[in-house]
């Protein structure tokens, strides 16, 4: 039998989608994939249905780089509702407890927030995609099952108060990978003594990307009917996700051998870590890693057009 061909076209790049609230990240991904009629697409870490904002979508060969964005730091705008705790630590969960919210000052909030800046530990929530004995925690939680979770270290680079009311306040958060903003809000509420949950969440940054270049699903739908070439123009180059890693320029011969899977020596290359690989003519060909003997080994290579 002949090999089954994938439907769609070979389109490559990264779209910075402004995910609307109310849909899952996978729903958003599938809509983008259909709009681009792309053979292959993937996102770079889920946003909760409640959340809106930046969801990088990798198309084609860019899917090989999704893990680099999954590991990137993130930035959020968060509304923390005081006095109510919920099953999911956000507004979509059933209410567990309500407590009175006493009058509080900005200084009191700042003092509490200061305890969550820098290196902290979090216990992942039951309503998360982490696995326990092969099952997603959120699936266990929906069955009323709770399992013990170990705390994990995360880094809160910035935690800034941006607004407040009688029973809520807004914060801007810049955090490391693996940070659960819902857990952060819940823990802050416990220190304040009234409990809390996330009532609004918008992601404004992922690694090197910020909100300035985001595009909405509605805009994509308009362009699909008006100007499909303008849709492709919205895609960022694959290597734009990798600016924090140094680049290595390969000669034509070195690029040939590396693309055959062989490590190569490159003069003046870094001495360790991951590197962006370019061949003569400034063509991005993928990611490599420096071996102990100084050679550059291929790790994530892009297919030639």
Protein backbone atom coordinates (compact mmCIF):
# COMPACT_ATOMS: atom_id res chain seq x y z
CA UNK A 1 0.00 0.00 0.00
CA UNK A 2 1.19 3.51 -0.73
CA UNK A 3 2.08 5.88 2.08
CA UNK A 4 -0.86 7.90 3.30
CA UNK A 5 -0.34 11.61 2.61
CA UNK A 6 -1.13 14.19 5.26
CA UNK A 7 -3.80 16.68 4.33
CA UNK A 8 -2.88 20.33 4.25
CA UNK A 9 0.00 22.44 3.08
CA UNK A 10 3.56 22.74 4.26
CA UNK A 11 3.51 26.07 6.07
CA UNK A 12 6.24 26.86 8.62
CA UNK A 13 6.54 29.51 11.30
CA UNK A 14 5.17 30.74 14.63
CA UNK A 15 1.87 32.55 15.08
CA UNK A 16 1.36 34.63 18.23
CA UNK A 17 -2.31 33.96 18.83
CA UNK A 18 -4.42 36.05 21.18
CA UNK A 19 -6.45 33.17 22.61
CA UNK A 20 -9.93 34.25 23.70
CA UNK A 21 -11.23 33.17 27.08
CA UNK A 22 -13.83 30.43 27.12
CA UNK A 23 -12.10 27.93 24.85
CA UNK A 24 -9.33 25.43 25.45
CA UNK A 25 -5.86 25.84 24.01
CA UNK A 26 -6.43 22.75 21.88
CA UNK A 27 -9.64 24.25 20.45
CA UNK A 28 -7.69 27.38 19.53
CA UNK A 29 -4.91 25.29 18.00
CA UNK A 30 -7.32 23.30 15.82
CA UNK A 31 -8.99 26.48 14.58
CA UNK A 32 -5.63 27.96 13.57
CA UNK A 33 -4.60 24.72 11.88
CA UNK A 34 -7.81 24.70 9.82
CA UNK A 35 -7.54 28.38 8.91
CA UNK A 36 -3.99 27.86 7.62
CA UNK A 37 -4.85 24.45 6.15
CA UNK A 38 -1.57 23.35 7.74
CA UNK A 39 -0.28 19.79 7.71
CA UNK A 40 1.17 20.07 11.17
CA UNK A 41 0.62 22.39 14.14
CA UNK A 42 1.17 22.45 17.89
CA UNK A 43 0.96 24.88 20.77
CA UNK A 44 3.57 25.61 23.40
CA UNK A 45 1.84 24.92 26.70
CA UNK A 46 -1.83 25.19 27.57
CA UNK A 47 -3.66 28.24 28.79
CA UNK A 48 -6.67 27.51 31.00
CA UNK A 49 -10.06 28.04 29.28
CA UNK A 50 -10.66 31.00 31.61
CA UNK A 51 -7.43 32.66 30.44
CA UNK A 52 -6.89 34.82 27.39
CA UNK A 53 -3.77 36.11 25.72
CA UNK A 54 -0.54 34.94 24.17
CA UNK A 55 -0.52 31.36 22.89
CA UNK A 56 2.32 30.75 20.42
CA UNK A 57 1.21 28.30 17.73
CA UNK A 58 3.98 26.42 15.92
CA UNK A 59 3.26 25.40 12.33
CA UNK A 60 5.16 22.85 10.25
CA UNK A 61 8.83 22.48 11.10
CA UNK A 62 8.44 24.97 13.94
CA UNK A 63 6.72 22.22 15.96
CA UNK A 64 10.22 20.80 16.54
CA UNK A 65 10.97 23.89 18.61
CA UNK A 66 7.84 23.94 20.78
CA UNK A 67 9.68 22.50 23.79
CA UNK A 68 11.96 25.55 23.90
CA UNK A 69 8.93 27.82 24.35
CA UNK A 70 7.31 25.40 26.77
CA UNK A 71 10.40 25.88 28.97
CA UNK A 72 10.43 29.67 28.59
CA UNK A 73 9.46 32.19 31.26
CA UNK A 74 5.93 33.63 31.15
CA UNK A 75 4.23 36.96 31.95
CA UNK A 76 0.64 37.44 33.11
CA UNK A 77 -1.91 40.02 34.20
CA UNK A 78 -4.00 38.52 37.00
CA UNK A 79 -7.10 39.55 38.93
CA UNK A 80 -7.21 37.95 42.38
CA UNK A 81 -10.66 37.71 43.94
CA UNK A 82 -10.53 37.71 47.72
CA UNK A 83 -12.81 35.95 50.18
CA UNK A 84 -13.70 32.92 48.06
CA UNK A 85 -11.82 29.68 47.47
CA UNK A 86 -12.83 27.26 44.72
CA UNK A 87 -12.06 23.68 43.69
CA UNK A 88 -9.94 24.78 40.75
CA UNK A 89 -8.54 27.99 42.32
CA UNK A 90 -10.21 29.97 39.54
CA UNK A 91 -13.69 31.27 38.75
CA UNK A 92 -14.69 28.09 36.90
CA UNK A 93 -14.55 25.85 39.96
CA UNK A 94 -17.23 25.13 42.54
CA UNK A 95 -17.05 27.34 45.64
CA UNK A 96 -15.41 25.61 48.60
CA UNK A 97 -15.50 28.37 51.18
CA UNK A 98 -16.35 32.03 51.63
CA UNK A 99 -14.71 34.23 54.25
CA UNK A 100 -15.06 37.90 55.12
CA UNK A 101 -12.56 40.31 53.56
CA UNK A 102 -11.38 42.86 56.06
CA UNK A 103 -10.25 46.29 54.94
CA UNK A 104 -6.66 46.12 53.77
CA UNK A 105 -4.04 48.62 52.67
CA UNK A 106 -1.75 48.59 49.67
CA UNK A 107 1.11 48.34 52.13
CA UNK A 108 -0.37 45.15 53.60
CA UNK A 109 -0.67 43.60 50.14
CA UNK A 110 2.88 44.63 49.25
CA UNK A 111 4.19 42.99 52.41
CA UNK A 112 2.40 39.75 51.51
CA UNK A 113 3.51 39.86 47.87
CA UNK A 114 7.10 40.32 48.95
CA UNK A 115 6.99 36.87 50.52
CA UNK A 116 6.25 35.37 47.11
CA UNK A 117 8.97 37.13 45.12
CA UNK A 118 12.12 35.27 44.13
CA UNK A 119 12.57 31.53 44.61
CA UNK A 120 9.52 29.83 46.13
CA UNK A 121 8.01 26.36 46.26
CA UNK A 122 4.56 25.43 45.02
CA UNK A 123 2.41 22.35 45.42
CA UNK A 124 0.87 21.72 41.98
CA UNK A 125 -2.95 21.85 42.02
CA UNK A 126 -5.05 18.74 41.51
CA UNK A 127 -6.68 20.48 38.57
CA UNK A 128 -3.55 20.35 36.42
CA UNK A 129 -2.21 18.29 33.51
CA UNK A 130 0.52 16.66 35.59
CA UNK A 131 0.39 12.87 35.73
CA UNK A 132 0.14 10.47 38.68
CA UNK A 133 0.72 6.82 37.82
CA UNK A 134 -0.09 7.56 34.19
CA UNK A 135 -3.28 9.55 34.80
CA UNK A 136 -3.75 13.31 34.52
CA UNK A 137 -4.35 14.91 37.90
CA UNK A 138 -7.41 16.81 36.67
CA UNK A 139 -9.06 13.53 35.65
CA UNK A 140 -8.51 12.17 39.14
CA UNK A 141 -9.80 15.41 40.66
CA UNK A 142 -13.02 15.13 38.64
CA UNK A 143 -13.53 11.70 40.21
CA UNK A 144 -13.14 13.19 43.67
CA UNK A 145 -9.70 11.64 44.11
CA UNK A 146 -6.88 13.65 45.65
CA UNK A 147 -3.30 12.40 45.71
CA UNK A 148 -0.24 13.72 47.47
CA UNK A 149 1.89 16.08 45.35
CA UNK A 150 5.43 17.14 46.10
CA UNK A 151 6.26 20.83 46.14
CA UNK A 152 8.29 22.17 43.24
CA UNK A 153 10.69 25.11 43.06
CA UNK A 154 9.69 28.00 40.80
CA UNK A 155 10.98 31.54 40.32
CA UNK A 156 8.82 34.67 40.57
CA UNK A 157 10.91 37.34 38.87
CA UNK A 158 8.32 40.11 39.19
CA UNK A 159 5.13 40.36 41.25
CA UNK A 160 3.72 43.87 41.02
CA UNK A 161 0.47 45.30 42.38
CA UNK A 162 -1.29 47.16 39.55
CA UNK A 163 -4.77 47.91 40.95
CA UNK A 164 -7.18 47.06 43.76
CA UNK A 165 -10.74 47.26 45.02
CA UNK A 166 -12.55 46.33 48.22
CA UNK A 167 -12.33 42.57 47.64
CA UNK A 168 -9.92 42.14 44.73
CA UNK A 169 -6.59 43.29 43.42
CA UNK A 170 -4.62 43.01 40.18
CA UNK A 171 -1.02 41.91 39.83
CA UNK A 172 1.49 41.64 37.00
CA UNK A 173 3.49 38.42 37.21
CA UNK A 174 6.72 37.41 35.47
CA UNK A 175 7.57 33.83 36.36
CA UNK A 176 9.56 30.75 35.41
CA UNK A 177 8.23 27.70 33.62
CA UNK A 178 6.12 25.42 35.78
CA UNK A 179 4.56 28.23 37.82
CA UNK A 180 0.85 27.83 38.56
CA UNK A 181 -0.68 31.29 38.78
CA UNK A 182 -3.86 29.82 40.30
CA UNK A 183 -1.80 28.32 43.11
CA UNK A 184 0.05 31.61 43.55
CA UNK A 185 -3.25 33.47 43.99
CA UNK A 186 -4.59 30.81 46.37
CA UNK A 187 -1.46 30.92 48.52
CA UNK A 188 -1.51 34.73 48.64
CA UNK A 189 -5.14 34.59 49.79
CA UNK A 190 -4.25 32.21 52.60
CA UNK A 191 -1.50 34.52 53.88
CA UNK A 192 -3.98 37.42 53.80
CA UNK A 193 -6.32 35.24 55.87
CA UNK A 194 -9.38 35.43 53.62
CA UNK A 195 -8.70 32.97 50.82
CA UNK A 196 -8.65 33.84 47.13
CA UNK A 197 -8.97 32.60 43.57
CA UNK A 198 -8.13 33.83 40.08
CA UNK A 199 -11.11 35.61 38.51
CA UNK A 200 -9.26 36.97 35.48
CA UNK A 201 -6.06 35.89 33.73
CA UNK A 202 -4.33 37.16 30.62
CA UNK A 203 -0.93 36.00 29.38
CA UNK A 204 1.11 38.85 27.96
CA UNK A 205 4.49 37.24 27.33
CA UNK A 206 6.20 33.94 26.54
CA UNK A 207 10.00 33.91 26.36
CA UNK A 208 11.07 36.46 23.73
CA UNK A 209 7.49 37.24 22.67
CA UNK A 210 5.12 39.86 24.03
CA UNK A 211 1.55 40.96 23.36
CA UNK A 212 2.44 43.55 20.72
CA UNK A 213 2.39 41.06 17.81
CA UNK A 214 -0.60 38.99 18.84
CA UNK A 215 -3.39 38.32 16.35
CA UNK A 216 -6.95 37.26 17.14
CA UNK A 217 -8.91 34.36 15.67
CA UNK A 218 -11.43 36.86 14.28
CA UNK A 219 -8.66 38.66 12.41
CA UNK A 220 -7.39 35.39 10.95
CA UNK A 221 -10.89 34.53 9.75
CA UNK A 222 -11.16 37.93 8.06
CA UNK A 223 -7.81 37.47 6.30
CA UNK A 224 -8.71 33.96 5.16
CA UNK A 225 -11.58 35.45 3.17
CA UNK A 226 -9.72 38.59 2.07
CA UNK A 227 -6.00 37.91 1.65
CA UNK A 228 -4.46 34.51 2.44
CA UNK A 229 -0.95 35.77 1.73
CA UNK A 230 -1.38 38.28 4.55
CA UNK A 231 -2.04 35.34 6.89
CA UNK A 232 1.32 33.81 6.04
CA UNK A 233 2.95 37.21 6.57
CA UNK A 234 1.84 37.06 10.21
CA UNK A 235 4.06 34.04 10.86
CA UNK A 236 7.32 34.76 12.62
CA UNK A 237 10.53 32.95 11.63
CA UNK A 238 11.12 29.73 13.55
CA UNK A 239 14.40 30.96 14.97
CA UNK A 240 12.67 33.95 16.60
CA UNK A 241 11.82 31.59 19.47
CA UNK A 242 15.50 30.93 20.17
CA UNK A 243 17.12 34.32 20.64
CA UNK A 244 18.53 33.46 24.08
CA UNK A 245 20.87 30.84 22.60
CA UNK A 246 24.09 31.80 20.76
CA UNK A 247 24.34 31.26 17.03
CA UNK A 248 26.91 29.17 15.20
CA UNK A 249 27.61 29.69 11.50
CA UNK A 250 28.59 26.57 9.58
CA UNK A 251 30.50 26.25 6.37
CA UNK A 252 28.75 24.44 3.53
CA UNK A 253 30.79 21.29 4.19
CA UNK A 254 30.18 21.36 7.95
CA UNK A 255 26.46 21.88 7.41
CA UNK A 256 26.35 18.90 5.03
CA UNK A 257 27.94 16.51 7.53
CA UNK A 258 25.90 17.82 10.44
CA UNK A 259 22.69 17.30 8.44
CA UNK A 260 23.77 13.69 7.97
CA UNK A 261 23.73 13.36 11.77
CA UNK A 262 27.47 13.77 12.35
CA UNK A 263 28.95 16.12 14.99
CA UNK A 264 31.36 18.67 13.50
CA UNK A 265 34.13 20.94 14.72
CA UNK A 266 33.38 24.65 14.31
CA UNK A 267 36.07 27.26 15.02
CA UNK A 268 35.21 29.76 17.77
CA UNK A 269 32.00 27.98 18.76
CA UNK A 270 30.76 28.23 22.38
CA UNK A 271 32.19 25.65 24.75
CA UNK A 272 28.92 24.26 26.12
CA UNK A 273 25.13 24.32 25.84
CA UNK A 274 22.64 24.60 23.03
CA UNK A 275 23.27 26.72 19.92
CA UNK A 276 21.33 28.00 16.92
CA UNK A 277 22.72 26.62 13.68
CA UNK A 278 23.01 28.56 10.43
CA UNK A 279 24.68 27.58 7.18
CA UNK A 280 26.29 29.82 4.58
CA UNK A 281 23.75 32.32 3.35
CA UNK A 282 22.25 32.77 6.83
CA UNK A 283 19.77 29.90 6.47
CA UNK A 284 18.55 28.59 9.83
CA UNK A 285 18.90 24.82 9.91
CA UNK A 286 18.09 23.94 13.53
CA UNK A 287 19.46 23.54 17.03
CA UNK A 288 22.66 21.82 18.10
CA UNK A 289 24.46 21.06 21.33
CA UNK A 290 28.13 21.38 22.18
CA UNK A 291 29.64 18.02 23.16
CA UNK A 292 32.32 17.55 25.83
CA UNK A 293 35.00 17.34 23.11
CA UNK A 294 33.91 20.70 21.63
CA UNK A 295 32.14 19.36 18.56
CA UNK A 296 28.67 20.60 17.61
CA UNK A 297 26.10 17.78 17.53
CA UNK A 298 22.75 18.04 15.69
CA UNK A 299 19.70 17.96 17.96
CA UNK A 300 16.65 19.56 16.24
CA UNK A 301 17.18 19.95 12.52
CA UNK A 302 14.78 21.54 10.08
CA UNK A 303 13.93 19.79 6.83
CA UNK A 304 15.20 21.52 3.71
CA UNK A 305 12.48 23.17 1.64
